[in-house]
N, C-alpha and C. Protein backbone atom coordinates (compact mmCIF):
# COMPACT_ATOMS: atom_id res chain seq x y z
N MET A 1 -40.88 63.48 -124.30
CA MET A 1 -41.97 64.45 -124.32
C MET A 1 -43.21 63.86 -124.99
N ALA A 2 -43.02 63.03 -125.99
CA ALA A 2 -44.14 62.46 -126.72
C ALA A 2 -44.94 61.47 -125.88
N LYS A 3 -44.35 60.92 -124.82
CA LYS A 3 -45.03 59.92 -124.02
C LYS A 3 -45.77 60.53 -122.83
N LEU A 4 -45.92 61.84 -122.77
CA LEU A 4 -46.65 62.47 -121.69
C LEU A 4 -48.14 62.17 -121.77
N TYR A 5 -48.66 62.01 -122.96
CA TYR A 5 -50.08 61.78 -123.17
C TYR A 5 -50.30 60.30 -123.49
N SER A 6 -51.28 59.72 -122.85
CA SER A 6 -51.54 58.32 -123.12
C SER A 6 -52.43 58.17 -124.35
N GLU A 7 -52.43 57.00 -124.93
CA GLU A 7 -53.25 56.76 -126.12
C GLU A 7 -54.73 56.82 -125.79
N ASN A 8 -55.11 56.43 -124.59
CA ASN A 8 -56.52 56.46 -124.20
C ASN A 8 -57.07 57.87 -124.18
N SER A 9 -56.32 58.82 -123.68
CA SER A 9 -56.81 60.19 -123.62
C SER A 9 -56.92 60.79 -125.02
N LEU A 10 -56.04 60.41 -125.94
CA LEU A 10 -56.13 60.91 -127.30
C LEU A 10 -57.34 60.33 -128.02
N GLU A 11 -57.68 59.08 -127.77
CA GLU A 11 -58.84 58.47 -128.41
C GLU A 11 -60.13 59.12 -127.94
N LYS A 12 -60.21 59.52 -126.69
CA LYS A 12 -61.42 60.15 -126.16
C LYS A 12 -61.66 61.52 -126.77
N THR A 13 -60.62 62.26 -127.07
CA THR A 13 -60.78 63.61 -127.57
C THR A 13 -61.00 63.67 -129.08
N LYS A 14 -60.75 62.60 -129.80
CA LYS A 14 -60.90 62.62 -131.25
C LYS A 14 -62.35 62.80 -131.67
N ASN A 15 -63.30 62.23 -130.95
CA ASN A 15 -64.70 62.26 -131.36
C ASN A 15 -65.46 63.47 -130.85
N GLU A 16 -64.86 64.27 -130.03
CA GLU A 16 -65.54 65.44 -129.49
C GLU A 16 -65.51 66.57 -130.50
N GLY A 17 -66.63 67.25 -130.61
CA GLY A 17 -66.72 68.40 -131.50
C GLY A 17 -67.05 69.64 -130.71
N PRO A 18 -67.25 70.76 -131.38
CA PRO A 18 -67.59 71.99 -130.67
C PRO A 18 -69.01 71.91 -130.10
N LYS A 19 -69.24 72.62 -129.03
CA LYS A 19 -70.57 72.66 -128.42
C LYS A 19 -71.50 73.50 -129.29
N ASN A 20 -72.78 73.24 -129.16
CA ASN A 20 -73.78 73.99 -129.94
C ASN A 20 -73.74 75.47 -129.60
N GLU A 21 -73.45 75.81 -128.34
CA GLU A 21 -73.38 77.22 -127.94
C GLU A 21 -72.23 77.93 -128.65
N THR A 22 -71.12 77.22 -128.85
CA THR A 22 -69.96 77.80 -129.53
C THR A 22 -70.29 78.08 -130.99
N ILE A 23 -70.93 77.14 -131.64
CA ILE A 23 -71.30 77.32 -133.04
C ILE A 23 -72.28 78.48 -133.20
N LYS A 24 -73.27 78.56 -132.30
CA LYS A 24 -74.26 79.64 -132.36
C LYS A 24 -73.59 81.00 -132.16
N PHE A 25 -72.65 81.08 -131.20
CA PHE A 25 -71.95 82.33 -130.94
C PHE A 25 -71.15 82.78 -132.16
N ILE A 26 -70.43 81.87 -132.79
CA ILE A 26 -69.62 82.23 -133.97
C ILE A 26 -70.50 82.66 -135.13
N LEU A 27 -71.59 81.96 -135.36
CA LEU A 27 -72.49 82.34 -136.46
C LEU A 27 -73.14 83.69 -136.20
N ASP A 28 -73.59 83.94 -134.98
CA ASP A 28 -74.20 85.23 -134.65
C ASP A 28 -73.19 86.37 -134.78
N TYR A 29 -71.97 86.12 -134.35
CA TYR A 29 -70.92 87.15 -134.46
C TYR A 29 -70.62 87.47 -135.92
N SER A 30 -70.54 86.43 -136.74
CA SER A 30 -70.21 86.67 -138.15
C SER A 30 -71.35 87.37 -138.88
N LYS A 31 -72.58 87.15 -138.45
CA LYS A 31 -73.71 87.85 -139.06
C LYS A 31 -73.71 89.33 -138.68
N ALA A 32 -73.25 89.65 -137.47
CA ALA A 32 -73.27 91.03 -136.99
C ALA A 32 -72.05 91.82 -137.44
N TYR A 33 -71.00 91.17 -137.89
CA TYR A 33 -69.76 91.85 -138.27
C TYR A 33 -69.84 92.31 -139.72
N LYS A 34 -69.65 93.58 -139.94
CA LYS A 34 -69.70 94.16 -141.29
C LYS A 34 -68.40 94.91 -141.58
N VAL A 35 -67.97 94.86 -142.82
CA VAL A 35 -66.77 95.57 -143.25
C VAL A 35 -67.21 96.64 -144.24
N VAL A 36 -66.81 97.88 -143.97
CA VAL A 36 -67.13 99.01 -144.84
C VAL A 36 -65.83 99.48 -145.47
N LYS A 37 -65.81 99.56 -146.79
CA LYS A 37 -64.62 100.00 -147.51
C LYS A 37 -64.65 101.50 -147.69
N GLY A 38 -63.57 102.16 -147.28
CA GLY A 38 -63.41 103.58 -147.49
C GLY A 38 -62.51 103.82 -148.69
N LYS A 39 -62.06 105.04 -148.85
CA LYS A 39 -61.17 105.35 -149.97
C LYS A 39 -59.82 104.69 -149.80
N ARG A 40 -59.29 104.69 -148.58
CA ARG A 40 -57.96 104.14 -148.36
C ARG A 40 -57.94 102.95 -147.38
N LYS A 41 -58.95 102.83 -146.56
CA LYS A 41 -58.95 101.81 -145.51
C LYS A 41 -60.26 101.04 -145.48
N LYS A 42 -60.21 99.90 -144.81
CA LYS A 42 -61.42 99.12 -144.54
C LYS A 42 -61.71 99.22 -143.06
N PHE A 43 -62.98 99.37 -142.72
CA PHE A 43 -63.39 99.48 -141.33
C PHE A 43 -64.27 98.31 -140.97
N GLY A 44 -63.97 97.63 -139.86
CA GLY A 44 -64.79 96.54 -139.37
C GLY A 44 -65.68 97.04 -138.25
N MET A 45 -66.97 96.69 -138.32
CA MET A 45 -67.92 97.13 -137.29
C MET A 45 -68.74 95.95 -136.81
N LEU A 46 -69.01 95.93 -135.54
CA LEU A 46 -69.88 94.92 -134.96
C LEU A 46 -71.23 95.57 -134.72
N LEU A 47 -72.23 95.18 -135.49
CA LEU A 47 -73.56 95.77 -135.42
C LEU A 47 -74.46 94.90 -134.57
N ASN A 48 -74.84 95.40 -133.42
CA ASN A 48 -75.74 94.66 -132.53
C ASN A 48 -77.11 95.27 -132.56
């Protein structure tokens, strides 16, 4: 099972990082997500 992937394909994927669009999406989502604490529960809201 370990020999299914060649060493060349693993070397190519090591240097790749996330796309700029992915980073922007995650940052925008985290800025819009708010947690409000109630008496017994926490509520998560996505504020757009």
